[in-house]
Amino acid sequence: MSGFPEFDYHDDELFVESVPLKQIAEKFGTPCYVYSQSALTKAYQEFDAAFANRDHLICFAVKANSNIAILNLFSQLGSGFDIVSGGELQRVIKAGGDPGKTVFSGVGKNMHEMRMALDVNILCFNVESEAELISLNQIAKEMNKIAPVSLRINPDVDAKTHPYISTGLKENKFGIPASEAERIYQSARLYQNIRFIGLDYHIGSQLTELEPFIQASKKMLNLLDTLQSKNLEIEHLDLGGGLGIRYTNEILPSIRDYVSTLCTSTHQVKQRLLIEPGRSLVGNAGILLTRIEYLKHTPTRNFAIVDAAMNDLMRPALYDAYHEILPVNKNSGEIKDYQVVGPVCETGDFLGHDRQIGLMSGDFLAIMSAGAYGMSMSSNYNSRPRVAEIMVDKNTTHIIRQRETIDQLFSNEKILSH
C-alpha cells in the first residue's frame, strides 16, 4: 500500500487509478505531473457533502493548481474560484468557470485587474487595505459600476504553520485589523460605488489543527454582530481555506470535521458560507514522475540524480518541505540512504534527503503529494522547459499540458541589431 488511495501498488508496480505509472513515463516522458481525476472529484464532493443543507459556495484557490483542465473539472462539479491575479481570472473564464462565483483576493490588485474583474461581474473583491478600497471605488465610478466587496479581516491568529504561508498575524501583509475594518464599514456612504456584501478571513495554509479556525471565526462573528447592530447588511462570510494534507505522517482533521467545525462555529448566523480550499482539493491528487539519470556514491553520501529539479517542484528548496518519494517498481536495487537531487546548479536543488530506498539507474520515482503548488510554482530556471501534465481517468490518460520546448523559451526574446 502507498498510503495514497488513487496511487497504489499492484504486484510491486505503482499505478495511478488503473494505469501503471511506468507506462505514462514511457509514453509521455519525464519529468511530468500526473493527476488522478477520481481523487480530484472525490475531494470536491467530500467538501460539498460536508455542508449538508447549509447555504455555501466552495471557491477553489486557483493558485494551488491553475491548469485549465483541472479548473474545468471543478467548474463542472459546481465550484466557484478564489483568484489572486488577472491572469488567474482569465484562466477561470477560459476553463468555463463562472465569474459570478469568483472572489478576487490579494493585497496588490492593479487597476487593469480591477477593471477586468468589474467588466465580467465577479462575485466579490476581497479587499485588503483602505488604499485598495479607494482605488476600486474610483475605477468602479469611472465604469459606472458598483463593486461588491468583502473586507479581509486580519484576526491576528497564529495558524501554527510555516511562517512563509502564515497570513493571519498582525505582522503579516494580509488583511485589515478588525477595529479598522469596523470603521471602514461604518463609512460606507463615502464609497458611492462600493457595496459591502461580506466579511472575509484567511489565516494561512497547511493547517493541521482546527483551533485556529475557531479562533478566527469567533473574531469575525464579533465584528459581524457589531455591524448588524448598526444595520449594516452582510450577505456572506468567507472563511478562507488552509486545511492541510498528509505529506508524511501528519495527523490531520478530516474534510468533514473541518467543515463541520466551520458550520458549528457559525451556526447562529444565517449568512451564506464561502470557503477557499486549494491544497486540500488537489495536493494528494497529483504526483511528479521522474527518472533516475545517475546514481553517485561518495564516501559520505549516496546521491540519486533525477531529471526533475527545483524548477519543477520548488517546495523542498523553498520551504524545506517533505514529499514522500516512492519507487515506481519496488525491489529494484539494494536499499541505501539516498539524497534525491536534481540537475540544477544549486546545492538547494533537492527533492528529498535521507531516503531509505532501493534504486538502479534508469528507474522511475514518484514524488508524492505534488498536486498543489507544484506546477503552478514551476519556472524555467537553468533554461529548463516546463514539464508536461497528464490526467488519468480510470484506465485512460489525457495530456492536459504539452511539454514546453526550448524554442518556446526563446520566442519572446530578441537579439539587438548593431
Protein backbone atom coordinates (compact mmCIF):
# COMPACT_ATOMS: atom_id res chain seq x y z
CA MET A 1 0.00 0.00 0.00
CA SER A 2 1.25 3.51 -0.85
CA GLY A 3 -1.00 5.36 1.60
CA PHE A 4 -2.46 7.42 -1.26
CA PRO A 5 -5.78 5.84 -2.40
CA GLU A 6 -5.58 6.61 -6.14
CA PHE A 7 -1.85 5.81 -6.28
CA ASP A 8 -1.22 2.24 -5.22
CA TYR A 9 0.95 -0.80 -5.87
CA HIS A 10 -0.17 -3.86 -7.83
CA ASP A 11 2.41 -6.68 -7.89
CA ASP A 12 5.09 -4.21 -6.76
CA GLU A 13 4.30 -1.74 -9.57
CA LEU A 14 2.87 1.70 -8.76
CA PHE A 15 -0.39 2.61 -10.53
CA VAL A 16 -2.49 5.75 -10.78
CA GLU A 17 -6.08 4.53 -10.85
CA SER A 18 -5.89 1.67 -13.42
CA VAL A 19 -2.78 2.89 -15.29
CA PRO A 20 0.82 1.88 -14.50
CA LEU A 21 2.99 4.95 -13.92
CA LYS A 22 5.80 3.29 -15.86
CA GLN A 23 3.52 3.26 -18.92
CA ILE A 24 2.90 7.01 -18.52
CA ALA A 25 6.63 7.70 -18.15
CA GLU A 26 7.45 5.74 -21.28
CA LYS A 27 4.65 7.30 -23.33
CA PHE A 28 4.95 10.95 -22.28
CA GLY A 29 8.49 11.19 -20.97
CA THR A 30 9.76 12.55 -17.68
CA PRO A 31 9.60 14.68 -15.69
CA CYS A 32 5.81 15.09 -15.80
CA TYR A 33 2.98 15.78 -13.42
CA VAL A 34 0.29 13.11 -13.20
CA TYR A 35 -3.16 13.72 -11.69
CA SER A 36 -5.99 11.41 -10.73
CA GLN A 37 -9.39 12.67 -11.87
CA SER A 38 -11.04 10.38 -9.33
CA ALA A 39 -9.05 11.89 -6.45
CA LEU A 40 -9.89 15.44 -7.55
CA THR A 41 -13.58 14.62 -7.87
CA LYS A 42 -13.80 12.79 -4.54
CA ALA A 43 -12.11 15.62 -2.66
CA TYR A 44 -14.52 18.23 -4.05
CA GLN A 45 -17.56 16.06 -3.40
CA GLU A 46 -16.44 15.42 0.17
CA PHE A 47 -16.28 19.18 0.81
CA ASP A 48 -19.66 19.73 -0.82
CA ALA A 49 -21.40 16.90 1.03
CA ALA A 50 -20.00 18.01 4.39
CA PHE A 51 -22.02 21.24 4.24
CA ALA A 52 -25.26 19.23 4.01
CA ASN A 53 -28.10 21.76 3.79
CA ARG A 54 -26.07 24.82 4.78
CA ASP A 55 -26.03 27.53 2.09
CA HIS A 56 -22.46 27.56 0.83
CA LEU A 57 -20.04 28.10 -2.05
CA ILE A 58 -16.72 26.30 -2.46
CA CYS A 59 -14.21 28.56 -4.22
CA PHE A 60 -11.15 26.59 -5.36
CA ALA A 61 -7.94 28.57 -4.75
CA VAL A 62 -6.57 28.72 -8.29
CA LYS A 63 -3.01 29.47 -7.16
CA ALA A 64 -2.71 25.89 -5.87
CA ASN A 65 -3.04 24.45 -9.39
CA SER A 66 -4.15 26.58 -12.33
CA ASN A 67 -4.29 24.02 -15.15
CA ILE A 68 -7.45 24.79 -17.12
CA ALA A 69 -8.47 21.12 -17.34
CA ILE A 70 -8.50 20.94 -13.55
CA LEU A 71 -10.38 24.25 -13.31
CA ASN A 72 -12.89 22.95 -15.86
CA LEU A 73 -13.42 19.76 -13.85
CA PHE A 74 -14.12 21.73 -10.68
CA SER A 75 -16.41 24.10 -12.58
CA GLN A 76 -18.44 21.15 -13.84
CA LEU A 77 -18.71 19.88 -10.26
CA GLY A 78 -20.21 23.24 -9.24
CA SER A 79 -17.16 25.01 -7.84
CA GLY A 80 -16.52 28.70 -7.67
CA PHE A 81 -12.99 30.10 -7.64
CA ASP A 82 -10.67 32.18 -5.48
CA ILE A 83 -8.23 34.16 -7.64
CA VAL A 84 -5.28 36.44 -6.85
CA SER A 85 -4.47 37.90 -10.28
CA GLY A 86 -5.97 38.95 -13.58
CA GLY A 87 -4.21 36.03 -15.21
CA GLU A 88 -6.00 33.60 -12.91
CA LEU A 89 -9.31 35.28 -13.75
CA GLN A 90 -8.64 34.74 -17.45
CA ARG A 91 -7.79 31.08 -16.74
CA VAL A 92 -11.11 30.64 -14.92
CA ILE A 93 -13.01 32.12 -17.86
CA LYS A 94 -11.03 30.05 -20.39
CA ALA A 95 -11.85 26.92 -18.36
CA GLY A 96 -15.59 27.67 -18.42
CA GLY A 97 -15.74 28.89 -14.82
CA ASP A 98 -18.38 31.37 -13.71
CA PRO A 99 -17.05 34.86 -12.84
CA GLY A 100 -20.22 35.27 -10.79
CA LYS A 101 -18.91 32.54 -8.47
CA THR A 102 -15.39 34.01 -8.28
CA VAL A 103 -13.81 36.01 -5.46
CA PHE A 104 -10.71 38.13 -6.06
CA SER A 105 -8.19 38.10 -3.19
CA GLY A 106 -4.67 39.50 -2.90
CA VAL A 107 -3.01 42.61 -1.49
CA GLY A 108 -1.82 44.17 -4.75
CA LYS A 109 -4.63 44.19 -7.31
CA ASN A 110 -3.78 46.73 -10.02
CA MET A 111 -6.19 48.97 -11.87
CA HIS A 112 -6.21 46.83 -15.01
CA GLU A 113 -7.13 43.75 -12.97
CA MET A 114 -9.89 45.63 -11.16
CA ARG A 115 -11.39 46.79 -14.46
CA MET A 116 -11.20 43.28 -15.89
CA ALA A 117 -12.98 41.82 -12.86
CA LEU A 118 -15.67 44.52 -12.84
CA ASP A 119 -16.23 44.02 -16.54
CA VAL A 120 -17.10 40.32 -16.10
CA ASN A 121 -19.12 40.89 -12.90
CA ILE A 122 -17.23 38.76 -10.39
CA LEU A 123 -18.97 37.76 -7.17
CA CYS A 124 -16.77 39.76 -4.82
CA PHE A 125 -13.49 41.60 -4.26
CA ASN A 126 -11.76 40.59 -1.03
CA VAL A 127 -10.23 43.98 -0.24
CA GLU A 128 -7.11 44.06 1.93
CA SER A 129 -6.44 47.76 2.58
CA GLU A 130 -8.21 51.10 2.64
CA ALA A 131 -5.97 52.34 -0.17
CA GLU A 132 -7.17 49.45 -2.35
CA LEU A 133 -10.80 50.26 -1.50
CA ILE A 134 -10.33 53.91 -2.55
CA SER A 135 -8.85 52.82 -5.91
CA LEU A 136 -11.59 50.26 -6.51
CA ASN A 137 -14.29 52.82 -5.74
CA GLN A 138 -12.76 55.27 -8.24
CA ILE A 139 -12.44 52.68 -11.00
CA ALA A 140 -16.00 51.43 -10.44
CA LYS A 141 -17.20 55.05 -10.67
CA GLU A 142 -15.39 55.52 -13.98
CA MET A 143 -17.02 52.33 -15.31
CA ASN A 144 -20.45 53.23 -13.91
CA LYS A 145 -20.36 50.01 -11.86
CA ILE A 146 -20.97 49.04 -8.25
CA ALA A 147 -18.15 46.87 -6.91
CA PRO A 148 -19.18 44.08 -4.49
CA VAL A 149 -16.70 43.95 -1.59
CA SER A 150 -15.73 41.94 1.45
CA LEU A 151 -13.06 43.35 3.69
CA ARG A 152 -10.43 40.74 4.54
CA ILE A 153 -10.06 40.82 8.29
CA ASN A 154 -6.68 40.09 9.84
CA PRO A 155 -7.74 38.29 13.04
CA ASP A 156 -4.20 38.10 14.49
CA VAL A 157 -4.45 34.32 14.92
CA ASP A 158 -1.41 32.05 14.89
CA ALA A 159 -2.05 29.37 12.26
CA LYS A 160 0.88 27.29 13.58
CA THR A 161 2.21 26.63 10.11
CA HIS A 162 5.35 27.57 8.14
CA PRO A 163 5.99 31.33 8.54
CA TYR A 164 6.03 31.86 4.77
CA ILE A 165 2.43 30.59 4.45
CA SER A 166 1.01 32.09 7.64
CA THR A 167 -1.23 35.02 6.70
CA GLY A 168 -3.39 35.86 9.73
CA LEU A 169 -0.95 37.50 12.16
CA LYS A 170 -0.91 41.27 12.67
CA GLU A 171 2.66 41.48 11.33
CA ASN A 172 1.65 39.84 8.02
CA LYS A 173 0.92 41.92 4.92
CA PHE A 174 -2.58 40.49 4.58
CA GLY A 175 -5.91 41.88 5.69
CA ILE A 176 -7.21 44.75 7.81
CA PRO A 177 -7.38 44.84 11.64
CA ALA A 178 -10.95 44.32 12.88
CA SER A 179 -11.12 47.76 14.53
CA GLU A 180 -10.10 49.46 11.28
CA ALA A 181 -12.49 47.31 9.27
CA GLU A 182 -15.37 48.33 11.56
CA ARG A 183 -14.63 52.00 10.89
CA ILE A 184 -14.48 51.41 7.12
CA TYR A 185 -17.77 49.50 7.04
CA GLN A 186 -19.43 52.30 9.00
CA SER A 187 -18.08 54.80 6.46
CA ALA A 188 -19.84 53.01 3.60
CA ARG A 189 -21.55 56.24 2.50
CA LEU A 190 -18.13 57.60 1.48
CA TYR A 191 -17.79 54.87 -1.14
CA GLN A 192 -20.67 55.51 -3.54
CA ASN A 193 -19.57 52.77 -5.97
CA ILE A 194 -18.92 50.08 -3.39
CA ARG A 195 -21.44 47.61 -1.98
CA PHE A 196 -20.23 45.82 1.14
CA ILE A 197 -21.60 42.29 0.95
CA GLY A 198 -19.32 40.12 3.05
CA LEU A 199 -16.68 39.51 5.69
CA ASP A 200 -13.55 37.52 4.88
CA TYR A 201 -10.56 35.98 6.60
CA HIS A 202 -7.78 33.59 5.60
CA ILE A 203 -5.14 32.71 8.17
CA GLY A 204 -2.69 30.51 6.30
CA SER A 205 -2.03 27.25 4.52
CA GLN A 206 -1.25 23.64 5.54
CA LEU A 207 -3.04 24.00 8.89
CA THR A 208 -3.14 20.77 10.88
CA GLU A 209 -5.36 21.89 13.79
CA LEU A 210 -8.93 23.20 13.96
CA GLU A 211 -8.46 25.61 16.87
CA PRO A 212 -7.02 28.49 14.76
CA PHE A 213 -10.11 28.34 12.51
CA ILE A 214 -12.37 28.50 15.57
CA GLN A 215 -10.49 31.49 16.98
CA ALA A 216 -10.66 33.37 13.67
CA SER A 217 -14.38 32.61 13.27
CA LYS A 218 -15.13 33.99 16.73
CA LYS A 219 -13.37 37.25 15.92
CA MET A 220 -15.24 37.53 12.62
CA LEU A 221 -18.59 36.88 14.34
CA ASN A 222 -17.85 39.57 16.92
CA LEU A 223 -17.36 42.05 14.08
CA LEU A 224 -20.49 40.77 12.34
CA ASP A 225 -22.55 41.38 15.50
CA THR A 226 -21.24 44.92 15.71
CA LEU A 227 -22.02 45.66 12.06
CA GLN A 228 -25.52 44.16 12.23
CA SER A 229 -26.27 46.17 15.37
CA LYS A 230 -25.64 49.25 13.24
CA ASN A 231 -27.99 47.99 10.48
CA LEU A 232 -25.22 47.03 8.05
CA GLU A 233 -26.28 44.04 5.95
CA ILE A 234 -23.73 41.29 5.37
CA GLU A 235 -24.67 38.59 2.87
CA HIS A 236 -21.83 36.08 3.22
CA LEU A 237 -18.96 35.03 5.44
CA ASP A 238 -15.81 33.93 3.64
CA LEU A 239 -13.92 31.59 5.98
CA GLY A 240 -10.88 31.22 3.74
CA GLY A 241 -9.06 27.94 3.26
CA GLY A 242 -5.88 26.42 4.60
CA LEU A 243 -6.75 22.86 5.62
CA GLY A 244 -3.58 20.79 5.37
CA ILE A 245 -2.91 17.48 3.66
CA ARG A 246 -0.85 14.46 4.63
CA TYR A 247 2.65 14.64 3.19
CA THR A 248 4.11 12.01 5.52
CA ASN A 249 2.67 11.07 8.93
CA GLU A 250 0.77 14.26 9.86
CA ILE A 251 -2.35 13.77 11.96
CA LEU A 252 -4.99 15.93 10.31
CA PRO A 253 -8.66 16.80 10.70
CA SER A 254 -10.82 15.22 8.01
CA ILE A 255 -12.57 17.41 5.45
CA ARG A 256 -15.85 16.52 7.15
CA ASP A 257 -14.58 17.54 10.60
CA TYR A 258 -13.13 20.77 9.20
CA VAL A 259 -16.38 21.79 7.50
CA SER A 260 -18.45 20.67 10.50
CA THR A 261 -16.32 22.86 12.76
CA LEU A 262 -16.83 25.88 10.50
CA CYS A 263 -20.59 25.27 10.34
CA THR A 264 -20.84 24.76 14.11
CA SER A 265 -18.84 27.88 14.89
CA THR A 266 -21.21 29.93 12.69
CA HIS A 267 -24.44 28.07 13.40
CA GLN A 268 -26.15 31.11 14.95
CA VAL A 269 -25.93 33.21 11.77
CA LYS A 270 -27.88 32.96 8.54
CA GLN A 271 -25.26 34.24 6.10
CA ARG A 272 -24.03 32.09 3.24
CA LEU A 273 -20.65 30.46 3.92
CA LEU A 274 -17.78 30.64 1.43
CA ILE A 275 -14.57 28.64 1.73
CA GLU A 276 -11.41 28.74 -0.39
CA PRO A 277 -9.73 25.30 -0.32
CA GLY A 278 -6.72 24.80 -2.55
CA ARG A 279 -4.12 22.30 -1.34
CA SER A 280 -6.75 20.06 0.28
CA LEU A 281 -8.52 19.63 -3.07
CA VAL A 282 -5.52 18.94 -5.30
CA GLY A 283 -2.44 18.18 -3.19
CA ASN A 284 -2.75 14.42 -2.86
CA ALA A 285 -4.36 14.07 -6.30
CA GLY A 286 -1.08 14.66 -8.14
CA ILE A 287 2.48 13.38 -8.29
CA LEU A 288 5.68 14.38 -10.05
CA LEU A 289 7.05 11.48 -12.08
CA THR A 290 10.80 11.49 -12.60
CA ARG A 291 13.60 9.24 -13.89
CA ILE A 292 16.94 8.49 -12.25
CA GLU A 293 19.74 9.66 -14.51
CA TYR A 294 22.69 8.61 -12.36
CA LEU A 295 23.49 7.04 -9.01
CA LYS A 296 26.52 8.72 -7.45
CA HIS A 297 28.20 7.12 -4.45
CA THR A 298 30.73 9.09 -2.39
CA PRO A 299 32.48 8.26 0.89
CA THR A 300 29.97 10.40 2.79
CA ARG A 301 26.71 10.31 0.80
CA ASN A 302 24.77 8.49 -1.89
CA PHE A 303 23.03 10.65 -4.50
CA ALA A 304 20.17 9.70 -6.78
CA ILE A 305 20.37 12.33 -9.54
CA VAL A 306 16.99 12.59 -11.25
CA ASP A 307 15.68 14.53 -14.25
CA ALA A 308 13.25 16.61 -12.14
CA ALA A 309 14.59 19.64 -10.30
CA MET A 310 13.79 22.56 -8.04
CA ASN A 311 12.40 24.49 -11.01
CA ASP A 312 9.79 21.71 -11.44
CA LEU A 313 8.94 21.35 -7.73
CA MET A 314 10.02 24.35 -5.68
CA ARG A 315 8.55 23.36 -2.30
CA PRO A 316 11.51 21.37 -0.90
CA ALA A 317 14.01 24.14 -1.73
CA LEU A 318 11.69 26.98 -0.68
CA TYR A 319 10.10 25.58 2.48
CA ASP A 320 12.33 22.57 3.22
CA ALA A 321 9.09 20.69 2.57
CA TYR A 322 8.88 16.91 2.79
CA HIS A 323 7.40 14.86 -0.05
CA GLU A 324 7.16 11.08 0.08
CA ILE A 325 9.26 9.51 -2.69
CA LEU A 326 8.19 6.08 -3.93
CA PRO A 327 9.81 3.78 -6.48
CA VAL A 328 7.55 3.08 -9.44
CA ASN A 329 8.82 -0.51 -9.29
CA LYS A 330 9.71 -1.97 -5.91
CA ASN A 331 12.69 -4.18 -5.17
CA SER A 332 14.87 -2.62 -7.84
CA GLY A 333 18.20 -2.42 -6.02
CA GLU A 334 19.93 -2.59 -2.67
CA ILE A 335 18.31 -0.31 -0.10
CA LYS A 336 20.60 2.58 0.78
CA ASP A 337 20.32 6.06 2.23
CA TYR A 338 19.92 8.39 -0.77
CA GLN A 339 19.81 12.13 -1.31
CA VAL A 340 17.35 12.61 -4.20
CA VAL A 341 18.63 15.62 -6.13
CA GLY A 342 18.11 17.31 -9.49
CA PRO A 343 20.44 18.61 -12.21
CA VAL A 344 20.07 22.33 -11.44
CA CYS A 345 23.30 24.05 -10.36
CA GLU A 346 22.26 24.79 -6.77
CA THR A 347 23.01 22.82 -3.61
CA GLY A 348 19.41 23.63 -2.70
CA ASP A 349 18.20 21.62 -5.69
CA PHE A 350 16.88 18.58 -3.85
CA LEU A 351 13.60 16.68 -3.77
CA GLY A 352 14.31 14.59 -0.70
CA HIS A 353 17.04 13.99 1.88
CA ASP A 354 17.99 10.71 3.54
CA ARG A 355 15.53 8.38 1.84
CA GLN A 356 15.91 4.66 2.52
CA ILE A 357 15.20 3.21 -0.90
CA GLY A 358 16.44 0.59 -3.34
CA LEU A 359 17.35 2.10 -6.70
CA MET A 360 19.00 1.49 -10.05
CA SER A 361 19.93 3.97 -12.76
CA GLY A 362 17.03 4.43 -15.16
CA ASP A 363 14.36 3.67 -12.53
CA PHE A 364 11.30 5.90 -12.24
CA LEU A 365 10.31 7.62 -8.99
CA ALA A 366 7.03 9.19 -7.91
CA ILE A 367 7.27 12.39 -5.86
CA MET A 368 4.00 12.20 -3.96
CA SER A 369 1.55 14.91 -2.86
CA ALA A 370 2.72 17.26 -5.61
CA GLY A 371 -0.68 18.31 -6.97
CA ALA A 372 -0.64 21.64 -5.10
CA TYR A 373 1.97 24.35 -5.63
CA GLY A 374 3.99 22.06 -7.89
CA MET A 375 3.32 23.02 -11.47
CA SER A 376 1.85 26.40 -10.50
CA MET A 377 5.16 27.48 -8.88
CA SER A 378 7.43 25.95 -11.53
CA SER A 379 9.88 28.04 -13.55
CA ASN A 380 12.38 27.93 -16.39
CA TYR A 381 15.46 28.31 -14.19
CA ASN A 382 18.57 26.97 -15.96
CA SER A 383 16.59 27.32 -19.22
CA ARG A 384 14.65 24.18 -18.41
CA PRO A 385 11.32 23.82 -20.24
CA ARG A 386 8.32 23.30 -18.00
CA VAL A 387 7.07 19.75 -17.88
CA ALA A 388 4.00 18.00 -19.29
CA GLU A 389 0.85 17.42 -17.25
CA ILE A 390 -1.21 14.24 -17.54
CA MET A 391 -4.73 13.49 -16.27
CA VAL A 392 -5.77 9.89 -15.64
CA ASP A 393 -9.42 8.90 -15.69
CA LYS A 394 -9.75 5.21 -14.75
CA ASN A 395 -7.74 3.47 -17.49
CA THR A 396 -7.44 6.46 -19.84
CA THR A 397 -4.65 9.05 -19.95
CA HIS A 398 -5.08 12.59 -21.28
CA ILE A 399 -2.30 15.11 -21.81
CA ILE A 400 -3.60 18.37 -20.34
CA ARG A 401 -0.44 20.41 -20.88
CA GLN A 402 2.15 19.75 -23.56
CA ARG A 403 5.79 19.75 -22.54
CA GLU A 404 7.34 23.14 -23.24
CA THR A 405 10.01 23.37 -25.94
CA ILE A 406 13.30 25.26 -25.93
CA ASP A 407 12.05 27.33 -28.89
CA GLN A 408 9.10 28.48 -26.78
CA LEU A 409 11.52 29.70 -24.11
CA PHE A 410 13.24 31.93 -26.69
CA SER A 411 10.11 33.07 -28.53
CA ASN A 412 9.70 36.40 -26.71
CA GLU A 413 13.38 37.32 -26.69
CA LYS A 414 15.22 39.43 -29.27
CA ILE A 415 18.86 39.97 -30.18
CA LEU A 416 19.71 43.67 -30.55
CA SER A 417 20.89 44.72 -34.01
CA HIS A 418 24.23 46.56 -34.06
